[in-house]
Amino acid sequence: MAWLLSTFAFIVLKCFGVLSWSWWWLLVPVLGTPALALLAVGSVAFCTIFITLTSKVTKI
């Protein structure tokens, strides 16, 4: 399940173009897949919030 989640997060992040700072995928052997999946989900949440905030700022 965690592997599937991290793979999905990888695809989502690639779509967002966030993988320019993809160095943290190197942390897989260190942290393990569950920690990486948590980090990926956190990154997606951060990107969503960031995109929402920037879109609101440009509308003002």
Protein backbone atom coordinates (compact mmCIF):
# COMPACT_ATOMS: atom_id res chain seq x y z
CA MET A 1 0.00 0.00 0.00
CA ALA A 2 2.79 2.43 0.91
CA TRP A 3 4.63 1.60 -2.31
CA LEU A 4 1.47 2.30 -4.32
CA LEU A 5 0.96 5.58 -2.45
CA SER A 6 4.54 6.69 -3.05
CA THR A 7 4.29 5.78 -6.74
CA PHE A 8 1.06 7.76 -7.05
CA ALA A 9 2.66 10.68 -5.20
CA PHE A 10 5.66 10.49 -7.56
CA ILE A 11 3.34 10.78 -10.59
CA VAL A 12 1.38 13.66 -9.01
CA LEU A 13 4.57 15.52 -8.09
CA LYS A 14 5.92 14.99 -11.59
CA CYS A 15 2.71 16.52 -12.98
CA PHE A 16 3.11 19.47 -10.62
CA GLY A 17 6.72 19.88 -11.74
CA VAL A 18 7.84 19.60 -8.12
CA LEU A 19 10.46 16.98 -8.91
CA SER A 20 12.97 19.70 -9.71
CA TRP A 21 13.90 19.23 -6.04
CA SER A 22 13.71 15.45 -6.35
CA TRP A 23 16.76 14.90 -4.14
CA TRP A 24 14.54 13.64 -1.33
CA TRP A 25 13.71 10.52 -3.38
CA LEU A 26 17.26 9.52 -2.50
CA LEU A 27 16.07 9.24 1.11
CA VAL A 28 14.15 6.03 0.31
CA PRO A 29 16.92 3.72 1.61
CA VAL A 30 17.42 5.91 4.69
CA LEU A 31 13.86 6.64 5.78
CA GLY A 32 11.98 3.76 4.23
CA THR A 33 8.89 3.84 2.05
CA PRO A 34 6.30 4.88 4.71
CA ALA A 35 8.29 7.97 5.68
CA LEU A 36 8.80 8.80 2.01
CA ALA A 37 5.09 8.40 1.30
CA LEU A 38 4.33 10.74 4.20
CA LEU A 39 6.84 13.24 2.86
CA ALA A 40 5.35 12.98 -0.63
CA VAL A 41 1.81 13.53 0.64
CA GLY A 42 3.05 16.50 2.68
CA SER A 43 4.72 17.93 -0.42
CA VAL A 44 1.53 17.54 -2.47
CA ALA A 45 -0.44 19.27 0.30
CA PHE A 46 2.13 22.08 0.44
CA CYS A 47 1.99 22.53 -3.34
CA THR A 48 -1.80 22.58 -3.32
CA ILE A 49 -1.84 25.25 -0.60
CA PHE A 50 0.88 27.24 -2.37
CA ILE A 51 -0.95 27.13 -5.73
CA THR A 52 -4.22 28.12 -4.04
CA LEU A 53 -2.59 31.07 -2.27
CA THR A 54 -0.76 32.30 -5.36
CA SER A 55 -3.91 32.06 -7.48
CA LYS A 56 -5.80 34.14 -4.88
CA VAL A 57 -3.02 36.72 -4.82
CA THR A 58 -3.03 37.12 -8.61
CA LYS A 59 -6.81 37.63 -8.64
CA ILE A 60 -6.60 40.59 -6.24
